[in-house]
Amino acid sequence: MSDHVPSAKLRMANDIVRQWAHLSAQERSVRLAQHVNSFWEPRMHVRFETQVAAAGDTCDPVIVEAVRLLVGP
């Protein structure tokens, strides 16, 4: 069992992605990236990217791909 506890931003991203479970993984990644770009402050982008990188293999690949698609702050 992992002791890794996701950050609030990772939990939020997971919650958002779950809302689109009916879509393909690629479409969920695109929509999450669009959501983050539209509604999150630039400093939230930076923290989110850092937290996803720190989560490594425990992070949902959909979220990892969304971070790759983000427009820089």
N, C-alpha and C. Protein backbone atom coordinates (compact mmCIF):
# COMPACT_ATOMS: atom_id res chain seq x y z
N MET A 1 0.85 -1.17 0.00
CA MET A 1 0.00 0.00 0.00
C MET A 1 0.89 1.24 0.00
N SER A 2 0.56 2.20 -0.82
CA SER A 2 1.35 3.42 -0.96
C SER A 2 0.99 4.42 0.14
N ASP A 3 2.02 5.12 0.61
CA ASP A 3 1.81 6.19 1.58
C ASP A 3 1.60 7.53 0.88
N HIS A 4 1.64 7.52 -0.45
CA HIS A 4 1.50 8.75 -1.23
C HIS A 4 0.08 9.29 -1.10
N VAL A 5 -0.01 10.54 -0.65
CA VAL A 5 -1.29 11.22 -0.55
C VAL A 5 -1.28 12.34 -1.59
N PRO A 6 -2.21 12.30 -2.55
CA PRO A 6 -2.18 13.33 -3.59
C PRO A 6 -2.47 14.72 -3.03
N SER A 7 -1.86 15.71 -3.65
CA SER A 7 -2.09 17.09 -3.26
C SER A 7 -3.52 17.49 -3.60
N ALA A 8 -3.94 18.62 -3.09
CA ALA A 8 -5.29 19.11 -3.38
C ALA A 8 -5.48 19.32 -4.87
N LYS A 9 -4.46 19.82 -5.55
CA LYS A 9 -4.59 20.05 -6.99
C LYS A 9 -4.69 18.73 -7.76
N LEU A 10 -3.94 17.73 -7.34
CA LEU A 10 -4.05 16.42 -8.00
C LEU A 10 -5.41 15.79 -7.73
N ARG A 11 -5.90 15.93 -6.51
CA ARG A 11 -7.25 15.41 -6.21
C ARG A 11 -8.28 16.11 -7.07
N MET A 12 -8.15 17.43 -7.21
CA MET A 12 -9.07 18.20 -8.02
C MET A 12 -9.00 17.74 -9.49
N ALA A 13 -7.80 17.56 -10.00
CA ALA A 13 -7.63 17.11 -11.38
C ALA A 13 -8.25 15.73 -11.57
N ASN A 14 -8.05 14.83 -10.60
CA ASN A 14 -8.66 13.50 -10.68
C ASN A 14 -10.18 13.60 -10.68
N ASP A 15 -10.72 14.46 -9.84
CA ASP A 15 -12.18 14.66 -9.80
C ASP A 15 -12.70 15.18 -11.13
N ILE A 16 -11.99 16.13 -11.71
CA ILE A 16 -12.41 16.70 -13.00
C ILE A 16 -12.37 15.62 -14.08
N VAL A 17 -11.28 14.87 -14.13
CA VAL A 17 -11.13 13.82 -15.15
C VAL A 17 -12.22 12.76 -15.00
N ARG A 18 -12.59 12.42 -13.77
CA ARG A 18 -13.64 11.41 -13.55
C ARG A 18 -14.98 11.84 -14.15
N GLN A 19 -15.22 13.14 -14.22
CA GLN A 19 -16.47 13.64 -14.80
C GLN A 19 -16.57 13.31 -16.28
N TRP A 20 -15.43 13.08 -16.90
CA TRP A 20 -15.40 12.79 -18.34
C TRP A 20 -15.04 11.33 -18.61
N ALA A 21 -15.41 10.43 -17.73
CA ALA A 21 -15.07 9.01 -17.87
C ALA A 21 -15.59 8.40 -19.17
N HIS A 22 -16.62 8.98 -19.71
CA HIS A 22 -17.22 8.45 -20.95
C HIS A 22 -16.41 8.82 -22.19
N LEU A 23 -15.41 9.68 -22.04
CA LEU A 23 -14.57 10.10 -23.17
C LEU A 23 -13.29 9.29 -23.23
N SER A 24 -12.63 9.36 -24.37
CA SER A 24 -11.33 8.67 -24.51
C SER A 24 -10.30 9.34 -23.60
N ALA A 25 -9.23 8.63 -23.32
CA ALA A 25 -8.17 9.18 -22.48
C ALA A 25 -7.60 10.45 -23.10
N GLN A 26 -7.39 10.46 -24.41
CA GLN A 26 -6.85 11.64 -25.07
C GLN A 26 -7.79 12.83 -24.92
N GLU A 27 -9.08 12.62 -25.11
CA GLU A 27 -10.04 13.73 -24.98
C GLU A 27 -10.10 14.23 -23.54
N ARG A 28 -10.01 13.32 -22.57
CA ARG A 28 -9.98 13.76 -21.16
C ARG A 28 -8.76 14.63 -20.89
N SER A 29 -7.61 14.25 -21.45
CA SER A 29 -6.39 15.04 -21.27
C SER A 29 -6.55 16.43 -21.88
N VAL A 30 -7.08 16.48 -23.08
CA VAL A 30 -7.29 17.76 -23.75
C VAL A 30 -8.23 18.64 -22.94
N ARG A 31 -9.32 18.07 -22.49
CA ARG A 31 -10.30 18.86 -21.73
C ARG A 31 -9.75 19.34 -20.40
N LEU A 32 -8.97 18.50 -19.72
CA LEU A 32 -8.36 18.93 -18.46
C LEU A 32 -7.38 20.08 -18.72
N ALA A 33 -6.57 19.95 -19.75
CA ALA A 33 -5.63 21.03 -20.08
C ALA A 33 -6.39 22.32 -20.39
N GLN A 34 -7.48 22.22 -21.14
CA GLN A 34 -8.29 23.40 -21.45
C GLN A 34 -8.87 24.01 -20.18
N HIS A 35 -9.35 23.16 -19.28
CA HIS A 35 -9.91 23.65 -18.02
C HIS A 35 -8.86 24.39 -17.20
N VAL A 36 -7.70 23.76 -17.05
CA VAL A 36 -6.63 24.38 -16.26
C VAL A 36 -6.20 25.70 -16.89
N ASN A 37 -6.02 25.71 -18.21
CA ASN A 37 -5.62 26.94 -18.90
C ASN A 37 -6.66 28.03 -18.74
N SER A 38 -7.92 27.67 -18.70
CA SER A 38 -9.01 28.66 -18.64
C SER A 38 -9.28 29.18 -17.23
N PHE A 39 -9.15 28.32 -16.22
CA PHE A 39 -9.65 28.67 -14.90
C PHE A 39 -8.61 28.75 -13.78
N TRP A 40 -7.43 28.20 -13.98
CA TRP A 40 -6.43 28.20 -12.92
C TRP A 40 -5.45 29.33 -13.14
N GLU A 41 -5.01 29.95 -12.05
CA GLU A 41 -4.01 31.01 -12.10
C GLU A 41 -2.66 30.44 -12.53
N PRO A 42 -1.80 31.27 -13.12
CA PRO A 42 -0.48 30.80 -13.54
C PRO A 42 0.32 30.11 -12.43
N ARG A 43 0.27 30.66 -11.21
CA ARG A 43 1.04 30.01 -10.12
C ARG A 43 0.47 28.63 -9.80
N MET A 44 -0.84 28.44 -10.02
CA MET A 44 -1.45 27.11 -9.82
C MET A 44 -0.93 26.14 -10.87
N HIS A 45 -0.71 26.63 -12.10
CA HIS A 45 -0.14 25.79 -13.17
C HIS A 45 1.21 25.24 -12.71
N VAL A 46 2.04 26.15 -12.22
CA VAL A 46 3.40 25.76 -11.83
C VAL A 46 3.36 24.72 -10.71
N ARG A 47 2.56 24.97 -9.70
CA ARG A 47 2.44 24.00 -8.59
C ARG A 47 1.91 22.66 -9.08
N PHE A 48 0.90 22.72 -9.94
CA PHE A 48 0.29 21.51 -10.48
C PHE A 48 1.33 20.70 -11.26
N GLU A 49 2.07 21.36 -12.13
CA GLU A 49 3.10 20.68 -12.92
C GLU A 49 4.14 20.04 -12.01
N THR A 50 4.54 20.77 -10.97
CA THR A 50 5.53 20.26 -10.02
C THR A 50 5.00 19.04 -9.27
N GLN A 51 3.74 19.11 -8.86
CA GLN A 51 3.13 18.01 -8.11
C GLN A 51 2.94 16.77 -8.98
N VAL A 52 2.58 16.98 -10.23
CA VAL A 52 2.43 15.85 -11.15
C VAL A 52 3.79 15.19 -11.36
N ALA A 53 4.82 15.98 -11.56
CA ALA A 53 6.17 15.43 -11.74
C ALA A 53 6.61 14.66 -10.50
N ALA A 54 6.32 15.20 -9.32
CA ALA A 54 6.71 14.54 -8.08
C ALA A 54 5.94 13.24 -7.85
N ALA A 55 4.72 13.17 -8.35
CA ALA A 55 3.90 11.97 -8.17
C ALA A 55 4.43 10.80 -9.00
N GLY A 56 5.14 11.11 -10.06
CA GLY A 56 5.75 10.07 -10.88
C GLY A 56 4.74 9.07 -11.40
N ASP A 57 5.07 7.78 -11.24
CA ASP A 57 4.24 6.70 -11.77
C ASP A 57 2.90 6.55 -11.07
N THR A 58 2.72 7.21 -9.94
CA THR A 58 1.44 7.10 -9.23
C THR A 58 0.38 8.02 -9.82
N CYS A 59 0.80 8.91 -10.72
CA CYS A 59 -0.13 9.87 -11.30
C CYS A 59 -0.84 9.27 -12.52
N ASP A 60 -2.11 9.55 -12.64
CA ASP A 60 -2.92 9.10 -13.76
C ASP A 60 -2.30 9.58 -15.07
N PRO A 61 -2.07 8.69 -16.03
CA PRO A 61 -1.49 9.09 -17.32
C PRO A 61 -2.30 10.17 -18.04
N VAL A 62 -3.60 10.22 -17.81
CA VAL A 62 -4.44 11.26 -18.41
C VAL A 62 -3.99 12.63 -17.89
N ILE A 63 -3.68 12.71 -16.61
CA ILE A 63 -3.25 13.97 -16.01
C ILE A 63 -1.84 14.33 -16.48
N VAL A 64 -0.97 13.34 -16.58
CA VAL A 64 0.38 13.58 -17.08
C VAL A 64 0.32 14.16 -18.49
N GLU A 65 -0.52 13.60 -19.33
CA GLU A 65 -0.67 14.10 -20.70
C GLU A 65 -1.27 15.51 -20.70
N ALA A 66 -2.22 15.78 -19.83
CA ALA A 66 -2.81 17.11 -19.75
C ALA A 66 -1.75 18.15 -19.39
N VAL A 67 -0.87 17.83 -18.48
CA VAL A 67 0.21 18.75 -18.10
C VAL A 67 1.11 19.02 -19.31
N ARG A 68 1.36 18.00 -20.09
CA ARG A 68 2.18 18.18 -21.29
C ARG A 68 1.51 19.15 -22.27
N LEU A 69 0.18 19.17 -22.28
CA LEU A 69 -0.59 20.02 -23.20
C LEU A 69 -0.81 21.44 -22.70
N LEU A 70 -0.47 21.70 -21.45
CA LEU A 70 -0.72 23.04 -20.88
C LEU A 70 0.05 24.13 -21.60
N VAL A 71 -0.58 25.28 -21.68
CA VAL A 71 0.08 26.49 -22.17
C VAL A 71 0.80 27.08 -20.97
N GLY A 72 2.05 27.41 -21.12
CA GLY A 72 2.84 27.93 -20.00
C GLY A 72 2.25 29.19 -19.38
N PRO A 73 2.52 29.37 -18.09
CA PRO A 73 2.01 30.55 -17.39
C PRO A 73 2.61 31.84 -17.90
